[in-house]
């Protein structure tokens, strides 16, 4: 039996450990081939990080991780794109650390791709990183932002609203780079648990399509009844035997 994917948030970990992966690649294929700029909101522990990881592995053409999946024969594995993946959940955004954390993350990404950033300040450095990757790889850049709103929602108590508003303004400056860099972008996906529409954090991103309630992507994350019965059938059978219950009683 394959192991349960408990606590595994990356495609590589799931596939390398022979854990159950519920194949979402048909929906992901639709996502990356029918549009370019997306926003997606889902509750925590709903699979956003796994989705972002899978999209990253796809654009980085790591074919071995997709063996046996729906998309294996539907994707051009000869083309590899540079991917900027930033998870704000992993950054230090407490007190006044957000600017420094973004700046440090950009430095780490530059080191990973072996390019040198010469600009000062996270906004021009972000723009410079995108342009350098485009020039180096002669391919448009993929940008994946996970948990974009974490530095805001952590401070939505009355006594910390000042910090929330401060972080929000920082993030607006950060995301404003994306509009001016549009010609360098192949694909953009931003995920979070909420959408701060009233404060227009994405006001500059006119092409950003909100698919949170889009019926075509309802199955992009989470499990349907059919997926549960198909992918976890061994475990359901095990429970049936242990508890002497019928499948209908379990489901």
Protein backbone atom coordinates (compact mmCIF):
# COMPACT_ATOMS: atom_id res chain seq x y z
CA UNK A 1 0.00 0.00 0.00
CA UNK A 2 1.14 3.51 -0.75
CA UNK A 3 1.51 5.68 2.33
CA UNK A 4 -0.93 8.45 3.14
CA UNK A 5 0.35 11.90 2.10
CA UNK A 6 -0.01 13.35 5.59
CA UNK A 7 1.99 16.55 6.04
CA UNK A 8 3.53 16.30 2.55
CA UNK A 9 3.21 19.63 0.73
CA UNK A 10 5.43 19.13 -2.31
CA UNK A 11 4.99 16.88 -5.32
CA UNK A 12 8.57 15.62 -5.08
CA UNK A 13 8.08 14.44 -1.49
CA UNK A 14 4.85 12.66 -2.36
CA UNK A 15 6.27 10.91 -5.41
CA UNK A 16 9.67 10.11 -3.90
CA UNK A 17 8.07 8.56 -0.81
CA UNK A 18 5.56 6.56 -2.86
CA UNK A 19 2.66 8.33 -1.16
CA UNK A 20 -0.83 8.61 -2.63
CA UNK A 21 -1.12 11.49 -5.10
CA UNK A 22 -4.62 12.32 -6.25
CA UNK A 23 -4.00 13.22 -9.88
CA UNK A 24 -5.01 16.84 -10.43
CA UNK A 25 -2.89 17.33 -13.53
CA UNK A 26 -5.81 17.48 -15.97
CA UNK A 27 -7.19 20.52 -14.13
CA UNK A 28 -3.68 21.97 -13.85
CA UNK A 29 -3.17 21.52 -17.59
CA UNK A 30 -6.36 23.49 -18.23
CA UNK A 31 -5.14 26.17 -15.83
CA UNK A 32 -1.74 26.71 -17.45
CA UNK A 33 -2.88 26.44 -21.07
CA UNK A 34 -6.00 28.61 -21.05
CA UNK A 35 -4.78 31.63 -19.06
CA UNK A 36 -1.69 33.33 -17.70
CA UNK A 37 -2.48 35.37 -14.56
CA UNK A 38 -4.46 33.80 -11.71
CA UNK A 39 -5.52 34.40 -8.14
CA UNK A 40 -6.86 31.53 -6.04
CA UNK A 41 -8.17 31.64 -2.49
CA UNK A 42 -8.73 28.55 -0.33
CA UNK A 43 -8.72 27.83 3.43
CA UNK A 44 -5.56 26.62 5.11
CA UNK A 45 -4.63 22.94 4.77
CA UNK A 46 -6.55 22.72 1.52
CA UNK A 47 -3.66 21.88 -0.82
CA UNK A 48 -2.56 25.30 -2.08
CA UNK A 49 1.13 24.64 -1.43
CA UNK A 50 0.95 21.26 -3.18
CA UNK A 51 -0.73 22.91 -6.16
CA UNK A 52 2.01 25.55 -6.36
CA UNK A 53 4.69 22.87 -6.04
CA UNK A 54 3.13 20.80 -8.83
CA UNK A 55 2.92 23.81 -11.16
CA UNK A 56 6.56 24.59 -10.41
CA UNK A 57 7.70 21.05 -11.20
CA UNK A 58 5.67 21.15 -14.41
CA UNK A 59 7.24 24.35 -15.72
CA UNK A 60 10.69 23.14 -14.64
CA UNK A 61 10.05 20.07 -16.81
CA UNK A 62 10.74 17.49 -14.11
CA UNK A 63 9.07 14.77 -16.15
CA UNK A 64 10.03 11.93 -13.83
CA UNK A 65 7.64 13.25 -11.17
CA UNK A 66 4.71 13.04 -13.60
CA UNK A 67 5.16 9.48 -14.80
CA UNK A 68 1.81 7.73 -14.97
CA UNK A 69 -0.16 10.93 -14.44
CA UNK A 70 -2.70 12.34 -16.88
CA UNK A 71 -0.43 15.13 -18.05
CA UNK A 72 2.60 12.97 -18.86
CA UNK A 73 1.75 12.66 -22.56
CA UNK A 74 0.14 16.10 -22.87
CA UNK A 75 3.10 18.37 -21.97
CA UNK A 76 6.18 19.50 -23.88
CA UNK A 77 8.97 18.36 -21.55
CA UNK A 78 11.69 19.75 -23.81
CA UNK A 79 10.98 23.32 -22.66
CA UNK A 80 12.09 24.46 -19.21
CA UNK A 81 11.09 27.79 -17.71
CA UNK A 82 12.76 29.74 -14.88
CA UNK A 83 10.41 29.72 -11.87
CA UNK A 84 10.34 32.29 -9.09
CA UNK A 85 8.57 30.65 -6.16
CA UNK A 86 7.98 32.73 -3.03
CA UNK A 87 6.00 31.54 -0.01
CA UNK A 88 5.23 34.35 2.42
CA UNK A 89 4.45 31.75 5.05
CA UNK A 90 8.18 31.00 5.15
CA UNK A 91 9.32 34.64 5.41
CA UNK A 92 9.87 36.62 8.59
CA UNK A 93 7.17 39.28 8.47
CA UNK A 94 6.97 40.11 12.18
CA UNK A 95 7.33 43.70 13.39
CA UNK A 96 9.30 45.52 10.69
CA UNK A 97 11.02 42.52 9.12
CA UNK A 98 8.95 42.16 5.94
CA UNK A 99 11.03 44.46 3.73
CA UNK A 100 14.30 42.86 4.83
CA UNK A 101 12.81 39.37 4.39
CA UNK A 102 11.65 40.07 0.84
CA UNK A 103 15.03 41.55 0.02
CA UNK A 104 16.80 38.50 1.44
CA UNK A 105 14.51 36.14 -0.46
CA UNK A 106 15.35 37.91 -3.71
CA UNK A 107 19.06 37.51 -2.93
CA UNK A 108 18.58 33.79 -2.32
CA UNK A 109 16.71 33.42 -5.61
CA UNK A 110 19.43 35.35 -7.46
CA UNK A 111 22.06 33.03 -5.97
CA UNK A 112 20.03 29.98 -6.97
CA UNK A 113 19.86 31.13 -10.58
CA UNK A 114 23.46 32.46 -10.51
CA UNK A 115 22.58 36.02 -11.46
CA UNK A 116 23.76 39.22 -9.78
CA UNK A 117 21.34 41.89 -8.59
CA UNK A 118 22.72 45.42 -8.63
CA UNK A 119 19.62 47.48 -7.81
CA UNK A 120 18.80 48.84 -4.34
CA UNK A 121 15.44 48.16 -2.70
CA UNK A 122 13.16 45.15 -3.05
CA UNK A 123 10.95 46.68 -5.76
CA UNK A 124 13.69 47.42 -8.34
CA UNK A 125 15.51 44.21 -7.33
CA UNK A 126 12.39 42.13 -8.00
CA UNK A 127 12.00 43.73 -11.41
CA UNK A 128 15.71 43.21 -12.11
CA UNK A 129 15.53 39.52 -11.13
CA UNK A 130 12.67 38.90 -13.55
CA UNK A 131 14.50 40.62 -16.40
CA UNK A 132 17.79 38.85 -15.72
CA UNK A 133 16.12 35.43 -15.73
CA UNK A 134 14.38 36.26 -18.98
CA UNK A 135 17.69 37.29 -20.53
CA UNK A 136 19.66 34.35 -19.17
CA UNK A 137 17.23 31.56 -20.11
CA UNK A 138 15.68 33.19 -23.17
CA UNK A 139 12.33 32.09 -21.80
CA UNK A 140 9.53 33.94 -20.11
CA UNK A 141 9.46 33.65 -16.33
CA UNK A 142 6.94 31.78 -14.18
CA UNK A 143 6.05 33.44 -10.85
CA UNK A 144 4.33 31.53 -8.07
CA UNK A 145 3.35 33.37 -4.89
CA UNK A 146 2.00 31.21 -2.06
CA UNK A 147 0.24 32.56 1.07
CA UNK A 148 0.50 36.12 -0.24
CA UNK A 149 -1.70 37.43 2.57
CA UNK A 150 0.05 35.84 5.57
CA UNK A 151 1.85 39.09 6.57
CA UNK A 152 -1.56 40.82 6.68
CA UNK A 153 -3.97 38.34 8.25
CA UNK A 154 -1.60 37.66 11.14
CA UNK A 155 -2.22 41.23 12.30
CA UNK A 156 -5.97 41.67 11.93
CA UNK A 157 -6.58 42.20 15.63
CA UNK A 158 -7.45 45.71 16.75
CA UNK A 159 -4.14 46.27 18.53
CA UNK A 160 -2.07 45.18 15.51
CA UNK A 161 -4.03 46.72 12.63
CA UNK A 162 -1.34 49.34 12.17
CA UNK A 163 1.19 46.62 11.31
CA UNK A 164 -1.32 44.93 8.98
CA UNK A 165 -1.80 48.16 7.04
CA UNK A 166 1.95 48.72 6.90
CA UNK A 167 2.56 45.23 5.51
CA UNK A 168 -0.26 45.68 3.05
CA UNK A 169 1.37 48.79 1.58
CA UNK A 170 4.67 46.93 1.29
CA UNK A 171 2.99 44.09 -0.58
CA UNK A 172 1.23 46.52 -2.92
CA UNK A 173 4.62 47.92 -3.90
CA UNK A 174 5.97 44.40 -4.37
CA UNK A 175 3.12 43.26 -6.61
CA UNK A 176 3.15 46.48 -8.65
CA UNK A 177 6.33 45.17 -10.28
CA UNK A 178 4.35 42.44 -12.01
CA UNK A 179 2.39 44.82 -14.24
CA UNK A 180 5.48 46.52 -15.65
CA UNK A 181 7.12 43.10 -16.11
CA UNK A 182 4.20 41.55 -17.97
CA UNK A 183 6.09 40.94 -21.21
CA UNK A 184 8.61 38.81 -19.32
CA UNK A 185 5.98 36.59 -17.69
CA UNK A 186 4.82 33.20 -18.93
CA UNK A 187 2.54 32.42 -16.01
CA UNK A 188 1.54 33.94 -12.67
CA UNK A 189 -0.29 32.25 -9.80
CA UNK A 190 -1.01 33.95 -6.46
CA UNK A 191 -2.67 31.98 -3.66
CA UNK A 192 -3.95 32.92 -0.22
CA UNK A 193 -6.80 32.40 2.21
CA UNK A 194 -8.51 35.72 1.51
CA UNK A 195 -8.80 38.50 -1.03
CA UNK A 196 -8.35 42.07 0.14
CA UNK A 197 -10.34 43.60 -2.69
CA UNK A 198 -11.43 46.70 -0.77
CA UNK A 199 -7.85 47.85 -0.35
CA UNK A 200 -6.96 47.04 -3.97
CA UNK A 201 -3.77 45.15 -3.24
CA UNK A 202 -3.90 43.87 -6.82
CA UNK A 203 -5.23 47.05 -8.39
CA UNK A 204 -2.36 47.20 -10.89
CA UNK A 205 -2.84 43.61 -12.07
CA UNK A 206 -5.63 44.08 -14.59
CA UNK A 207 -5.10 40.63 -16.12
CA UNK A 208 -5.36 38.77 -12.80
CA UNK A 209 -8.21 36.27 -13.07
CA UNK A 210 -9.85 35.26 -9.79
CA UNK A 211 -10.70 31.54 -10.09
CA UNK A 212 -11.69 31.08 -6.44
CA UNK A 213 -15.32 30.38 -7.35
CA UNK A 214 -14.75 29.27 -10.93
CA UNK A 215 -16.62 26.00 -11.46
CA UNK A 216 -14.01 24.78 -13.95
CA UNK A 217 -11.42 24.67 -11.15
CA UNK A 218 -13.63 23.41 -8.33
CA UNK A 219 -11.71 20.11 -8.31
CA UNK A 220 -8.25 21.68 -8.54
CA UNK A 221 -7.68 20.92 -4.84
CA UNK A 222 -9.32 18.74 -2.25
CA UNK A 223 -10.90 15.35 -2.93
CA UNK A 224 -14.13 14.48 -4.67
CA UNK A 225 -16.17 11.46 -3.57
CA UNK A 226 -14.99 9.48 -6.60
CA UNK A 227 -11.35 10.39 -5.96
CA UNK A 228 -11.66 9.36 -2.33
CA UNK A 229 -13.08 5.96 -3.24
CA UNK A 230 -10.57 5.35 -6.05
CA UNK A 231 -7.27 6.55 -4.60
CA UNK A 232 -7.89 5.46 -1.01
CA UNK A 233 -9.67 2.19 -1.74
CA UNK A 234 -7.00 0.08 0.00
CA UNK A 235 -7.39 2.06 3.21
CA UNK A 236 -11.17 1.96 2.99
CA UNK A 237 -11.00 -1.81 2.57
CA UNK A 238 -8.69 -2.04 5.57
CA UNK A 239 -11.11 -0.09 7.75
CA UNK A 240 -14.02 -2.17 6.49
CA UNK A 241 -12.24 -5.33 7.61
CA UNK A 242 -11.12 -3.92 10.95
CA UNK A 243 -14.49 -2.46 11.94
CA UNK A 244 -16.65 -4.98 10.10
CA UNK A 245 -18.47 -2.22 8.31
CA UNK A 246 -19.72 -1.94 4.75
CA UNK A 247 -18.29 0.58 2.29
CA UNK A 248 -21.64 2.36 2.25
CA UNK A 249 -21.50 2.80 6.03
CA UNK A 250 -18.05 4.39 5.77
CA UNK A 251 -18.94 6.81 3.00
